[in-house]
Amino acid sequence: MDSKPQPLLIAHRAGNRPRTVAPAAAAGAQLIEVDVWFHRGRIEVGHDKTLGPVPLRWDRWSLALGRSRRVTIPDLLPTLPPNVELFFDLKGTHPRLPAALRVLADELLPGRRYGVSSQHWAHLEPFLEVERARVIRSIGSPEALRLMRDQLDTWTGAGIGLQVDLLTPKVIADLRERTPLIFTWTVNDLERAMRLIEAGVGGIITDSLEVIRAISTRSERRPRP
């Protein structure tokens, strides 16, 4: 029998809009990713970036007025099922972001588990002492992967997350021996996701609710050891 644990399914950016939280959870996502920034003295949600004092926000394919209302974490909670985690991806390098997020998580998610990740690894250090926080270092480049490999034996977080094109079979085999959990993003093809899971990847971050639904259904049908 297959003794592999069921994969964690993370709905990529589904927490950036309140209306996409419930559909992602209904599809079978155990974690809802939320991009968080510290801006103008508070935590705001969204993948788009600010232009400092200029009242505009931008992402790769979009531009918006910075003065329009930003989504905040409380906006997401009414449709978040109690058995589904928020997975915060900490954006930018503002030094006040980690402490502000810890305070907000204690206030809004008392007793609930949540996840945190960042490519700015210093942001994650304050969460390592939080027992209910699932702390994941994100790796988006070959240079960051080499650095992480050098530090992996002293990393005490829950695992690491890698951009999917970095995950060669050799990398997966090496990392499986040295970390309890490997996440990867962004995987929108079901066959590719299943190959990664079979190879030992434990968390799939995807934009596709169909991928989440298909993997969730297969996991429910899998015989238990």
N, C-alpha and C. Protein backbone atom coordinates (compact mmCIF):
# COMPACT_ATOMS: atom_id res chain seq x y z
N MET A 1 0.82 -1.19 0.00
CA MET A 1 0.00 0.00 0.00
C MET A 1 0.86 1.25 0.00
N ASP A 2 0.32 2.33 -0.60
CA ASP A 2 1.04 3.59 -0.64
C ASP A 2 0.97 4.24 0.72
N SER A 3 2.15 4.45 1.35
CA SER A 3 2.20 5.03 2.68
C SER A 3 2.51 6.51 2.66
N LYS A 4 2.62 7.12 1.48
CA LYS A 4 2.91 8.55 1.41
C LYS A 4 1.77 9.34 2.07
N PRO A 5 2.11 10.39 2.83
CA PRO A 5 1.05 11.23 3.40
C PRO A 5 0.30 11.97 2.31
N GLN A 6 -0.90 12.35 2.59
CA GLN A 6 -1.67 13.12 1.62
C GLN A 6 -1.00 14.46 1.38
N PRO A 7 -0.92 14.91 0.12
CA PRO A 7 -0.26 16.19 -0.17
C PRO A 7 -1.08 17.36 0.36
N LEU A 8 -0.38 18.41 0.73
CA LEU A 8 -1.03 19.66 1.09
C LEU A 8 -1.32 20.44 -0.19
N LEU A 9 -2.53 20.93 -0.30
CA LEU A 9 -2.96 21.65 -1.49
C LEU A 9 -3.18 23.12 -1.11
N ILE A 10 -2.44 23.99 -1.78
CA ILE A 10 -2.45 25.41 -1.44
C ILE A 10 -3.01 26.19 -2.62
N ALA A 11 -4.07 26.94 -2.38
CA ALA A 11 -4.70 27.73 -3.44
C ALA A 11 -3.94 29.04 -3.59
N HIS A 12 -3.20 29.15 -4.68
CA HIS A 12 -2.32 30.28 -4.93
C HIS A 12 -3.09 31.59 -5.03
N ARG A 13 -2.78 32.53 -4.14
CA ARG A 13 -3.37 33.88 -4.14
C ARG A 13 -4.87 33.89 -3.92
N ALA A 14 -5.46 32.77 -3.54
CA ALA A 14 -6.92 32.73 -3.38
C ALA A 14 -7.39 33.60 -2.23
N GLY A 15 -6.49 33.93 -1.29
CA GLY A 15 -6.87 34.81 -0.20
C GLY A 15 -6.71 36.28 -0.51
N ASN A 16 -6.33 36.63 -1.72
CA ASN A 16 -6.16 38.04 -2.05
C ASN A 16 -7.48 38.73 -2.35
N ARG A 17 -8.53 37.94 -2.52
CA ARG A 17 -9.88 38.49 -2.72
C ARG A 17 -10.85 37.68 -1.87
N PRO A 18 -11.69 38.32 -1.10
CA PRO A 18 -12.63 37.57 -0.26
C PRO A 18 -13.50 36.59 -1.03
N ARG A 19 -13.87 36.93 -2.26
CA ARG A 19 -14.80 36.08 -3.01
C ARG A 19 -14.18 34.77 -3.49
N THR A 20 -12.85 34.65 -3.47
CA THR A 20 -12.21 33.43 -3.96
C THR A 20 -11.83 32.46 -2.84
N VAL A 21 -12.06 32.84 -1.58
CA VAL A 21 -11.71 31.98 -0.46
C VAL A 21 -12.59 30.73 -0.41
N ALA A 22 -13.90 30.92 -0.40
CA ALA A 22 -14.82 29.80 -0.26
C ALA A 22 -14.72 28.80 -1.42
N PRO A 23 -14.64 29.24 -2.69
CA PRO A 23 -14.51 28.26 -3.78
C PRO A 23 -13.23 27.42 -3.67
N ALA A 24 -12.13 28.04 -3.25
CA ALA A 24 -10.89 27.28 -3.10
C ALA A 24 -11.01 26.24 -2.00
N ALA A 25 -11.60 26.62 -0.88
CA ALA A 25 -11.80 25.67 0.21
C ALA A 25 -12.74 24.55 -0.20
N ALA A 26 -13.79 24.88 -0.92
CA ALA A 26 -14.75 23.87 -1.36
C ALA A 26 -14.11 22.88 -2.33
N ALA A 27 -13.13 23.33 -3.11
CA ALA A 27 -12.45 22.45 -4.06
C ALA A 27 -11.53 21.45 -3.35
N GLY A 28 -11.14 21.76 -2.11
CA GLY A 28 -10.30 20.84 -1.36
C GLY A 28 -8.98 21.42 -0.89
N ALA A 29 -8.78 22.73 -1.07
CA ALA A 29 -7.54 23.34 -0.60
C ALA A 29 -7.51 23.33 0.93
N GLN A 30 -6.39 22.87 1.49
CA GLN A 30 -6.22 22.92 2.94
C GLN A 30 -5.62 24.25 3.40
N LEU A 31 -4.96 24.96 2.47
CA LEU A 31 -4.36 26.24 2.79
C LEU A 31 -4.75 27.25 1.71
N ILE A 32 -5.03 28.46 2.14
CA ILE A 32 -5.38 29.55 1.25
C ILE A 32 -4.25 30.58 1.31
N GLU A 33 -3.54 30.75 0.19
CA GLU A 33 -2.42 31.69 0.20
C GLU A 33 -2.90 33.13 0.17
N VAL A 34 -2.25 33.97 1.00
CA VAL A 34 -2.56 35.39 1.10
C VAL A 34 -1.25 36.16 0.98
N ASP A 35 -1.15 37.07 0.03
CA ASP A 35 0.03 37.93 -0.08
C ASP A 35 -0.17 39.13 0.84
N VAL A 36 0.79 39.37 1.73
CA VAL A 36 0.64 40.46 2.69
C VAL A 36 1.83 41.42 2.61
N TRP A 37 1.51 42.71 2.76
CA TRP A 37 2.49 43.79 2.75
C TRP A 37 2.27 44.66 3.98
N PHE A 38 3.30 45.38 4.40
CA PHE A 38 3.12 46.42 5.40
C PHE A 38 3.18 47.75 4.67
N HIS A 39 2.06 48.48 4.70
CA HIS A 39 1.95 49.70 3.93
C HIS A 39 1.13 50.72 4.71
N ARG A 40 1.69 51.90 4.85
CA ARG A 40 1.00 53.00 5.53
C ARG A 40 0.54 52.60 6.93
N GLY A 41 1.41 51.89 7.63
CA GLY A 41 1.15 51.60 9.03
C GLY A 41 0.26 50.41 9.31
N ARG A 42 -0.07 49.62 8.29
CA ARG A 42 -0.91 48.45 8.53
C ARG A 42 -0.61 47.37 7.50
N ILE A 43 -1.13 46.17 7.78
CA ILE A 43 -0.98 45.06 6.85
C ILE A 43 -2.11 45.12 5.82
N GLU A 44 -1.72 45.02 4.56
CA GLU A 44 -2.68 44.98 3.47
C GLU A 44 -2.45 43.72 2.65
N VAL A 45 -3.49 43.31 1.95
CA VAL A 45 -3.49 42.06 1.20
C VAL A 45 -3.46 42.36 -0.29
N GLY A 46 -2.68 41.59 -1.03
CA GLY A 46 -2.67 41.72 -2.48
C GLY A 46 -1.30 41.44 -3.04
N HIS A 47 -1.25 41.05 -4.30
CA HIS A 47 0.04 40.76 -4.93
C HIS A 47 0.65 41.99 -5.57
N ASP A 48 -0.17 43.02 -5.84
CA ASP A 48 0.36 44.20 -6.50
C ASP A 48 1.22 45.01 -5.54
N LYS A 49 2.13 45.78 -6.10
CA LYS A 49 3.12 46.53 -5.35
C LYS A 49 2.76 48.01 -5.34
N THR A 50 3.29 48.73 -4.37
CA THR A 50 3.06 50.17 -4.31
C THR A 50 4.22 50.90 -4.97
N LEU A 51 4.00 52.17 -5.27
CA LEU A 51 5.04 53.03 -5.81
C LEU A 51 5.39 54.11 -4.77
N GLY A 52 5.52 53.69 -3.52
CA GLY A 52 5.87 54.63 -2.46
C GLY A 52 4.80 55.68 -2.29
N PRO A 53 5.15 56.97 -2.33
CA PRO A 53 4.15 58.03 -2.15
C PRO A 53 3.24 58.23 -3.35
N VAL A 54 3.61 57.64 -4.50
CA VAL A 54 2.77 57.79 -5.69
C VAL A 54 1.52 56.94 -5.52
N PRO A 55 0.30 57.50 -5.73
CA PRO A 55 -0.94 56.75 -5.46
C PRO A 55 -1.30 55.75 -6.55
N LEU A 56 -0.36 54.82 -6.82
CA LEU A 56 -0.61 53.77 -7.80
C LEU A 56 -0.12 52.45 -7.22
N ARG A 57 -0.77 51.35 -7.65
CA ARG A 57 -0.31 50.00 -7.33
C ARG A 57 -0.13 49.26 -8.65
N TRP A 58 0.88 48.40 -8.72
CA TRP A 58 1.16 47.72 -9.98
C TRP A 58 1.52 46.28 -9.75
N ASP A 59 1.22 45.48 -10.75
CA ASP A 59 1.68 44.10 -10.83
C ASP A 59 2.14 43.92 -12.26
N ARG A 60 2.53 42.70 -12.61
CA ARG A 60 3.12 42.48 -13.93
C ARG A 60 2.20 42.92 -15.06
N TRP A 61 0.89 42.67 -14.91
CA TRP A 61 -0.03 42.98 -16.00
C TRP A 61 -1.14 43.95 -15.56
N SER A 62 -0.97 44.67 -14.46
CA SER A 62 -2.05 45.53 -14.01
C SER A 62 -1.53 46.80 -13.36
N LEU A 63 -2.38 47.81 -13.35
CA LEU A 63 -2.09 49.09 -12.72
C LEU A 63 -3.39 49.58 -12.10
N ALA A 64 -3.34 50.03 -10.83
CA ALA A 64 -4.56 50.45 -10.13
C ALA A 64 -4.26 51.67 -9.30
N LEU A 65 -5.31 52.42 -8.98
CA LEU A 65 -5.17 53.57 -8.11
C LEU A 65 -4.84 53.11 -6.70
N GLY A 66 -3.79 53.67 -6.11
CA GLY A 66 -3.39 53.28 -4.77
C GLY A 66 -4.37 53.73 -3.70
N ARG A 67 -5.22 54.69 -4.01
CA ARG A 67 -6.16 55.19 -3.01
C ARG A 67 -7.42 54.33 -2.91
N SER A 68 -7.62 53.40 -3.85
CA SER A 68 -8.77 52.52 -3.74
C SER A 68 -8.60 51.62 -2.53
N ARG A 69 -9.71 51.15 -1.96
CA ARG A 69 -9.67 50.39 -0.72
C ARG A 69 -8.90 49.09 -0.91
N ARG A 70 -7.97 48.81 0.00
CA ARG A 70 -7.22 47.58 -0.04
C ARG A 70 -7.90 46.52 0.81
N VAL A 71 -7.78 45.26 0.38
CA VAL A 71 -8.30 44.14 1.16
C VAL A 71 -7.43 43.98 2.41
N THR A 72 -8.06 43.64 3.54
CA THR A 72 -7.33 43.35 4.76
C THR A 72 -7.69 41.93 5.23
N ILE A 73 -6.91 41.41 6.16
CA ILE A 73 -7.13 40.04 6.61
C ILE A 73 -8.53 39.82 7.19
N PRO A 74 -9.08 40.72 7.98
CA PRO A 74 -10.45 40.49 8.49
C PRO A 74 -11.49 40.29 7.39
N ASP A 75 -11.24 40.86 6.20
CA ASP A 75 -12.19 40.68 5.09
C ASP A 75 -12.30 39.23 4.65
N LEU A 76 -11.27 38.42 4.93
CA LEU A 76 -11.23 37.04 4.45
C LEU A 76 -11.91 36.06 5.39
N LEU A 77 -12.07 36.44 6.64
CA LEU A 77 -12.48 35.48 7.66
C LEU A 77 -13.92 35.00 7.57
N PRO A 78 -14.89 35.81 7.14
CA PRO A 78 -16.28 35.33 7.14
C PRO A 78 -16.51 34.08 6.31
N THR A 79 -15.72 33.85 5.25
CA THR A 79 -15.95 32.68 4.39
C THR A 79 -14.84 31.63 4.54
N LEU A 80 -13.99 31.77 5.55
CA LEU A 80 -12.90 30.82 5.76
C LEU A 80 -13.38 29.68 6.66
N PRO A 81 -13.44 28.44 6.15
CA PRO A 81 -13.87 27.32 6.99
C PRO A 81 -12.91 27.10 8.16
N PRO A 82 -13.40 26.60 9.27
CA PRO A 82 -12.55 26.43 10.45
C PRO A 82 -11.41 25.43 10.27
N ASN A 83 -11.53 24.52 9.31
CA ASN A 83 -10.48 23.51 9.11
C ASN A 83 -9.50 23.88 8.00
N VAL A 84 -9.55 25.11 7.51
CA VAL A 84 -8.68 25.56 6.43
C VAL A 84 -7.75 26.65 6.97
N GLU A 85 -6.47 26.55 6.63
CA GLU A 85 -5.47 27.51 7.12
C GLU A 85 -5.28 28.66 6.14
N LEU A 86 -4.99 29.83 6.68
CA LEU A 86 -4.43 30.89 5.86
C LEU A 86 -2.92 30.69 5.79
N PHE A 87 -2.38 30.94 4.61
CA PHE A 87 -0.95 30.76 4.37
C PHE A 87 -0.41 32.10 3.86
N PHE A 88 0.24 32.84 4.76
CA PHE A 88 0.67 34.20 4.47
C PHE A 88 2.02 34.21 3.77
N ASP A 89 2.06 34.81 2.59
CA ASP A 89 3.33 35.02 1.90
C ASP A 89 3.74 36.46 2.14
N LEU A 90 4.81 36.67 2.91
CA LEU A 90 5.23 38.00 3.32
C LEU A 90 6.01 38.64 2.19
N LYS A 91 5.52 39.76 1.71
CA LYS A 91 6.09 40.45 0.56
C LYS A 91 6.88 41.68 1.00
N GLY A 92 7.85 42.05 0.19
CA GLY A 92 8.64 43.22 0.49
C GLY A 92 9.61 42.97 1.62
N THR A 93 10.24 44.04 2.09
CA THR A 93 11.27 43.93 3.12
C THR A 93 11.01 44.86 4.30
N HIS A 94 9.79 45.35 4.45
CA HIS A 94 9.52 46.29 5.53
C HIS A 94 9.77 45.62 6.87
N PRO A 95 10.58 46.20 7.73
CA PRO A 95 10.95 45.52 8.99
C PRO A 95 9.80 45.36 9.98
N ARG A 96 8.71 46.10 9.81
CA ARG A 96 7.61 45.99 10.76
C ARG A 96 6.60 44.91 10.39
N LEU A 97 6.74 44.34 9.20
CA LEU A 97 5.74 43.36 8.74
C LEU A 97 5.66 42.12 9.64
N PRO A 98 6.75 41.44 9.99
CA PRO A 98 6.60 40.20 10.78
C PRO A 98 5.91 40.42 12.12
N ALA A 99 6.34 41.42 12.88
CA ALA A 99 5.73 41.65 14.19
C ALA A 99 4.27 42.03 14.06
N ALA A 100 3.94 42.84 13.07
CA ALA A 100 2.55 43.23 12.87
C ALA A 100 1.68 42.04 12.51
N LEU A 101 2.22 41.13 11.70
CA LEU A 101 1.44 39.95 11.32
C LEU A 101 1.25 39.02 12.50
N ARG A 102 2.27 38.85 13.33
CA ARG A 102 2.13 38.01 14.52
C ARG A 102 1.03 38.53 15.42
N VAL A 103 1.02 39.82 15.66
CA VAL A 103 -0.02 40.42 16.51
C VAL A 103 -1.40 40.20 15.90
N LEU A 104 -1.51 40.42 14.59
CA LEU A 104 -2.80 40.28 13.93
C LEU A 104 -3.26 38.82 13.94
N ALA A 105 -2.35 37.88 13.74
CA ALA A 105 -2.72 36.46 13.77
C ALA A 105 -3.19 36.06 15.16
N ASP A 106 -2.53 36.55 16.20
CA ASP A 106 -2.97 36.24 17.57
C ASP A 106 -4.36 36.79 17.84
N GLU A 107 -4.64 37.95 17.26
CA GLU A 107 -5.93 38.60 17.49
C GLU A 107 -7.05 37.95 16.68
N LEU A 108 -6.78 37.66 15.42
CA LEU A 108 -7.84 37.21 14.51
C LEU A 108 -7.95 35.70 14.39
N LEU A 109 -6.86 34.98 14.68
CA LEU A 109 -6.84 33.52 14.51
C LEU A 109 -6.43 32.84 15.81
N PRO A 110 -7.05 33.14 16.92
CA PRO A 110 -6.62 32.56 18.19
C PRO A 110 -6.75 31.03 18.18
N GLY A 111 -5.64 30.36 18.49
CA GLY A 111 -5.64 28.91 18.55
C GLY A 111 -5.62 28.20 17.21
N ARG A 112 -5.70 28.92 16.11
CA ARG A 112 -5.72 28.29 14.79
C ARG A 112 -4.33 28.24 14.19
N ARG A 113 -4.06 27.17 13.48
CA ARG A 113 -2.79 27.05 12.78
C ARG A 113 -2.81 27.95 11.55
N TYR A 114 -1.64 28.47 11.19
CA TYR A 114 -1.51 29.25 9.95
C TYR A 114 -0.09 29.04 9.42
N GLY A 115 0.10 29.40 8.16
CA GLY A 115 1.40 29.25 7.54
C GLY A 115 2.00 30.60 7.19
N VAL A 116 3.32 30.66 7.13
CA VAL A 116 4.03 31.85 6.68
C VAL A 116 5.16 31.43 5.76
N SER A 117 5.37 32.20 4.72
CA SER A 117 6.50 31.98 3.82
C SER A 117 7.01 33.32 3.35
N SER A 118 8.25 33.33 2.88
CA SER A 118 8.83 34.56 2.32
C SER A 118 10.14 34.22 1.64
N GLN A 119 10.44 34.96 0.58
CA GLN A 119 11.77 34.88 -0.01
C GLN A 119 12.75 35.80 0.71
N HIS A 120 12.23 36.67 1.57
CA HIS A 120 13.07 37.49 2.46
C HIS A 120 13.11 36.74 3.79
N TRP A 121 14.08 35.86 3.94
CA TRP A 121 14.06 34.87 5.02
C TRP A 121 14.09 35.48 6.41
N ALA A 122 14.65 36.65 6.56
CA ALA A 122 14.69 37.29 7.88
C ALA A 122 13.29 37.53 8.42
N HIS A 123 12.32 37.70 7.52
CA HIS A 123 10.93 37.91 7.96
C HIS A 123 10.38 36.71 8.72
N LEU A 124 10.94 35.54 8.50
CA LEU A 124 10.37 34.32 9.06
C LEU A 124 10.87 34.01 10.47
N GLU A 125 11.98 34.59 10.85
CA GLU A 125 12.60 34.25 12.13
C GLU A 125 11.65 34.43 13.32
N PRO A 126 10.86 35.52 13.40
CA PRO A 126 9.99 35.68 14.57
C PRO A 126 8.92 34.61 14.69
N PHE A 127 8.61 33.90 13.62
CA PHE A 127 7.55 32.90 13.66
C PHE A 127 8.04 31.52 14.09
N LEU A 128 9.35 31.33 14.14
CA LEU A 128 9.88 30.01 14.49
C LEU A 128 9.54 29.63 15.93
N GLU A 129 9.30 30.61 16.77
CA GLU A 129 8.94 30.33 18.17
C GLU A 129 7.43 30.19 18.36
N VAL A 130 6.66 30.34 17.28
CA VAL A 130 5.20 30.21 17.36
C VAL A 130 4.85 28.77 16.99
N GLU A 131 4.38 28.01 17.94
CA GLU A 131 4.16 26.58 17.72
C GLU A 131 3.14 26.30 16.63
N ARG A 132 2.15 27.14 16.51
CA ARG A 132 1.08 26.86 15.54
C ARG A 132 1.36 27.44 14.16
N ALA A 133 2.54 28.04 13.97
CA ALA A 133 2.89 28.62 12.67
C ALA A 133 3.68 27.61 11.84
N ARG A 134 3.23 27.37 10.63
CA ARG A 134 3.94 26.50 9.67
C ARG A 134 4.87 27.41 8.86
N VAL A 135 6.17 27.34 9.15
CA VAL A 135 7.12 28.30 8.60
C VAL A 135 7.88 27.68 7.43
N ILE A 136 7.79 28.32 6.26
CA ILE A 136 8.36 27.79 5.02
C ILE A 136 9.26 28.84 4.38
N ARG A 137 10.52 28.51 4.19
CA ARG A 137 11.41 29.40 3.43
C ARG A 137 11.14 29.23 1.93
N SER A 138 10.91 30.34 1.24
CA SER A 138 10.67 30.29 -0.20
C SER A 138 11.96 30.50 -0.96
N ILE A 139 12.11 29.75 -2.04
CA ILE A 139 13.34 29.77 -2.85
C ILE A 139 12.94 29.96 -4.29
N GLY A 140 13.36 31.09 -4.87
CA GLY A 140 12.92 31.41 -6.21
C GLY A 140 14.02 31.50 -7.25
N SER A 141 15.26 31.13 -6.88
CA SER A 141 16.37 31.24 -7.82
C SER A 141 17.41 30.17 -7.52
N PRO A 142 18.25 29.82 -8.50
CA PRO A 142 19.33 28.86 -8.23
C PRO A 142 20.27 29.35 -7.14
N GLU A 143 20.52 30.65 -7.07
CA GLU A 143 21.41 31.19 -6.04
C GLU A 143 20.81 30.97 -4.66
N ALA A 144 19.50 31.22 -4.50
CA ALA A 144 18.85 31.00 -3.21
C ALA A 144 18.84 29.53 -2.84
N LEU A 145 18.68 28.66 -3.83
CA LEU A 145 18.71 27.22 -3.57
C LEU A 145 20.08 26.79 -3.06
N ARG A 146 21.14 27.29 -3.67
CA ARG A 146 22.48 26.94 -3.19
C ARG A 146 22.70 27.42 -1.76
N LEU A 147 22.23 28.62 -1.46
CA LEU A 147 22.37 29.15 -0.10
C LEU A 147 21.55 28.32 0.88
N MET A 148 20.34 27.93 0.49
CA MET A 148 19.50 27.14 1.37
C MET A 148 20.11 25.79 1.64
N ARG A 149 20.71 25.18 0.64
CA ARG A 149 21.35 23.88 0.84
C ARG A 149 22.47 23.97 1.87
N ASP A 150 23.19 25.10 1.86
CA ASP A 150 24.26 25.29 2.83
C ASP A 150 23.72 25.46 4.25
N GLN A 151 22.48 25.97 4.37
CA GLN A 151 21.91 26.28 5.67
C GLN A 151 20.87 25.26 6.14
N LEU A 152 20.58 24.28 5.33
CA LEU A 152 19.44 23.42 5.59
C LEU A 152 19.58 22.62 6.88
N ASP A 153 20.77 22.25 7.23
CA ASP A 153 20.96 21.44 8.43
C ASP A 153 20.67 22.21 9.72
N THR A 154 20.63 23.55 9.63
CA THR A 154 20.33 24.36 10.82
C THR A 154 18.96 25.01 10.73
N TRP A 155 18.22 24.74 9.65
CA TRP A 155 16.89 25.34 9.48
C TRP A 155 15.87 24.56 10.30
N THR A 156 15.15 25.25 11.18
CA THR A 156 14.22 24.59 12.10
C THR A 156 12.76 24.81 11.74
N GLY A 157 12.50 25.37 10.57
CA GLY A 157 11.12 25.57 10.14
C GLY A 157 10.47 24.29 9.67
N ALA A 158 9.21 24.40 9.24
CA ALA A 158 8.45 23.22 8.82
C ALA A 158 8.94 22.64 7.50
N GLY A 159 9.60 23.46 6.68
CA GLY A 159 10.06 22.98 5.39
C GLY A 159 10.48 24.13 4.52
N ILE A 160 10.56 23.86 3.21
CA ILE A 160 10.97 24.87 2.24
C ILE A 160 10.04 24.81 1.04
N GLY A 161 9.95 25.94 0.34
CA GLY A 161 9.15 26.01 -0.87
C GLY A 161 10.00 26.47 -2.04
N LEU A 162 9.89 25.80 -3.16
CA LEU A 162 10.72 26.12 -4.32
C LEU A 162 9.87 26.42 -5.54
N GLN A 163 10.35 27.37 -6.35
CA GLN A 163 9.76 27.58 -7.66
C GLN A 163 9.91 26.29 -8.46
N VAL A 164 8.86 25.87 -9.13
CA VAL A 164 8.79 24.51 -9.66
C VAL A 164 9.91 24.18 -10.64
N ASP A 165 10.41 25.15 -11.39
CA ASP A 165 11.45 24.85 -12.37
C ASP A 165 12.79 24.52 -11.72
N LEU A 166 12.92 24.74 -10.41
CA LEU A 166 14.14 24.37 -9.69
C LEU A 166 14.13 22.92 -9.25
N LEU A 167 12.97 22.27 -9.35
CA LEU A 167 12.81 20.92 -8.78
C LEU A 167 13.17 19.83 -9.80
N THR A 168 14.45 19.59 -9.96
CA THR A 168 14.88 18.43 -10.73
C THR A 168 14.77 17.18 -9.85
N PRO A 169 14.75 16.00 -10.45
CA PRO A 169 14.73 14.77 -9.63
C PRO A 169 15.87 14.71 -8.62
N LYS A 170 17.06 15.17 -9.02
CA LYS A 170 18.20 15.15 -8.11
C LYS A 170 17.98 16.08 -6.93
N VAL A 171 17.44 17.26 -7.19
CA VAL A 171 17.16 18.22 -6.11
C VAL A 171 16.13 17.66 -5.15
N ILE A 172 15.06 17.08 -5.69
CA ILE A 172 14.02 16.51 -4.84
C ILE A 172 14.59 15.40 -3.96
N ALA A 173 15.37 14.51 -4.56
CA ALA A 173 15.94 13.40 -3.79
C ALA A 173 16.84 13.90 -2.67
N ASP A 174 17.63 14.92 -2.96
CA ASP A 174 18.52 15.48 -1.94
C ASP A 174 17.72 16.14 -0.82
N LEU A 175 16.75 16.95 -1.20
CA LEU A 175 16.00 17.70 -0.19
C LEU A 175 15.12 16.79 0.67
N ARG A 176 14.60 15.73 0.09
CA ARG A 176 13.76 14.82 0.86
C ARG A 176 14.51 14.22 2.04
N GLU A 177 15.81 14.07 1.91
CA GLU A 177 16.62 13.51 2.98
C GLU A 177 16.91 14.53 4.08
N ARG A 178 16.65 15.82 3.79
CA ARG A 178 17.15 16.85 4.70
C ARG A 178 16.08 17.80 5.23
N THR A 179 14.87 17.70 4.74
CA THR A 179 13.81 18.59 5.22
C THR A 179 12.49 17.81 5.27
N PRO A 180 11.64 18.09 6.25
CA PRO A 180 10.42 17.31 6.39
C PRO A 180 9.35 17.60 5.35
N LEU A 181 9.42 18.75 4.69
CA LEU A 181 8.33 19.12 3.79
C LEU A 181 8.86 19.99 2.66
N ILE A 182 8.50 19.63 1.43
CA ILE A 182 8.85 20.42 0.25
C ILE A 182 7.55 20.94 -0.37
N PHE A 183 7.44 22.26 -0.48
CA PHE A 183 6.36 22.89 -1.23
C PHE A 183 6.90 23.29 -2.60
N THR A 184 6.01 23.47 -3.58
CA THR A 184 6.44 24.04 -4.85
C THR A 184 5.33 24.86 -5.47
N TRP A 185 5.74 25.88 -6.21
CA TRP A 185 4.80 26.77 -6.91
C TRP A 185 5.36 27.06 -8.30
N THR A 186 4.53 27.45 -9.25
CA THR A 186 3.08 27.34 -9.32
C THR A 186 2.81 26.21 -10.30
N VAL A 187 2.05 25.19 -9.89
CA VAL A 187 1.85 23.98 -10.69
C VAL A 187 0.39 23.91 -11.11
N ASN A 188 0.12 24.21 -12.38
CA ASN A 188 -1.26 24.24 -12.87
C ASN A 188 -1.61 23.08 -13.78
N ASP A 189 -0.67 22.16 -13.94
CA ASP A 189 -0.91 20.97 -14.77
C ASP A 189 -1.04 19.76 -13.85
N LEU A 190 -2.14 19.02 -13.97
CA LEU A 190 -2.41 17.91 -13.07
C LEU A 190 -1.37 16.81 -13.18
N GLU A 191 -0.98 16.44 -14.38
CA GLU A 191 -0.01 15.36 -14.54
C GLU A 191 1.33 15.74 -13.91
N ARG A 192 1.73 16.98 -14.10
CA ARG A 192 2.99 17.42 -13.49
C ARG A 192 2.88 17.41 -11.98
N ALA A 193 1.75 17.87 -11.46
CA ALA A 193 1.55 17.86 -10.01
C ALA A 193 1.64 16.44 -9.45
N MET A 194 1.02 15.48 -10.13
CA MET A 194 1.04 14.11 -9.63
C MET A 194 2.45 13.52 -9.68
N ARG A 195 3.22 13.87 -10.71
CA ARG A 195 4.61 13.37 -10.78
C ARG A 195 5.43 13.93 -9.62
N LEU A 196 5.22 15.19 -9.30
CA LEU A 196 5.96 15.80 -8.19
C LEU A 196 5.57 15.17 -6.86
N ILE A 197 4.29 14.91 -6.69
CA ILE A 197 3.84 14.26 -5.45
C ILE A 197 4.45 12.87 -5.33
N GLU A 198 4.46 12.10 -6.42
CA GLU A 198 5.05 10.77 -6.39
C GLU A 198 6.55 10.83 -6.09
N ALA A 199 7.19 11.92 -6.51
CA ALA A 199 8.62 12.07 -6.27
C ALA A 199 8.94 12.50 -4.85
N GLY A 200 7.90 12.92 -4.10
CA GLY A 200 8.12 13.27 -2.71
C GLY A 200 7.82 14.70 -2.33
N VAL A 201 7.28 15.48 -3.26
CA VAL A 201 6.88 16.85 -2.93
C VAL A 201 5.60 16.80 -2.11
N GLY A 202 5.59 17.49 -0.98
CA GLY A 202 4.47 17.37 -0.05
C GLY A 202 3.45 18.48 -0.11
N GLY A 203 3.74 19.56 -0.85
CA GLY A 203 2.80 20.67 -0.94
C GLY A 203 2.77 21.25 -2.34
N ILE A 204 1.59 21.31 -2.93
CA ILE A 204 1.42 21.83 -4.29
C ILE A 204 0.67 23.16 -4.23
N ILE A 205 1.30 24.21 -4.73
CA ILE A 205 0.68 25.53 -4.81
C ILE A 205 0.22 25.72 -6.25
N THR A 206 -1.08 25.98 -6.42
CA THR A 206 -1.65 26.03 -7.76
C THR A 206 -2.72 27.10 -7.87
N ASP A 207 -2.85 27.64 -9.08
CA ASP A 207 -3.95 28.56 -9.39
C ASP A 207 -5.22 27.81 -9.74
N SER A 208 -5.09 26.53 -10.06
CA SER A 208 -6.18 25.76 -10.66
C SER A 208 -7.03 25.04 -9.61
N LEU A 209 -8.28 25.41 -9.53
CA LEU A 209 -9.19 24.69 -8.64
C LEU A 209 -9.44 23.28 -9.15
N GLU A 210 -9.33 23.07 -10.46
CA GLU A 210 -9.50 21.73 -11.01
C GLU A 210 -8.37 20.81 -10.56
N VAL A 211 -7.15 21.33 -10.50
CA VAL A 211 -6.03 20.54 -10.00
C VAL A 211 -6.24 20.20 -8.53
N ILE A 212 -6.65 21.18 -7.75
CA ILE A 212 -6.92 20.94 -6.33
C ILE A 212 -8.01 19.90 -6.17
N ARG A 213 -9.08 20.04 -6.91
CA ARG A 213 -10.21 19.12 -6.79
C ARG A 213 -9.80 17.70 -7.18
N ALA A 214 -9.05 17.57 -8.26
CA ALA A 214 -8.66 16.24 -8.73
C ALA A 214 -7.73 15.55 -7.73
N ILE A 215 -6.74 16.27 -7.21
CA ILE A 215 -5.81 15.66 -6.26
C ILE A 215 -6.51 15.35 -4.95
N SER A 216 -7.38 16.24 -4.51
CA SER A 216 -8.12 16.02 -3.28
C SER A 216 -8.99 14.77 -3.39
N THR A 217 -9.65 14.60 -4.53
CA THR A 217 -10.51 13.43 -4.73
C THR A 217 -9.68 12.15 -4.76
N ARG A 218 -8.53 12.17 -5.41
CA ARG A 218 -7.66 10.99 -5.46
C ARG A 218 -7.14 10.66 -4.07
N SER A 219 -6.80 11.68 -3.28
CA SER A 219 -6.29 11.45 -1.93
C SER A 219 -7.35 10.82 -1.04
N GLU A 220 -8.60 11.24 -1.21
CA GLU A 220 -9.69 10.68 -0.41
C GLU A 220 -9.92 9.22 -0.75
N ARG A 221 -9.64 8.83 -2.00
CA ARG A 221 -9.87 7.44 -2.43
C ARG A 221 -8.68 6.53 -2.13
N ARG A 222 -7.52 7.12 -1.77
CA ARG A 222 -6.32 6.32 -1.57
C ARG A 222 -6.49 5.40 -0.36
N PRO A 223 -6.12 4.16 -0.49
CA PRO A 223 -6.18 3.25 0.66
C PRO A 223 -5.28 3.71 1.78
N ARG A 224 -5.72 3.61 3.00
CA ARG A 224 -4.91 4.00 4.15
C ARG A 224 -4.04 2.82 4.60
N PRO A 225 -2.78 3.11 4.99
CA PRO A 225 -1.88 2.03 5.41
C PRO A 225 -2.36 1.41 6.73
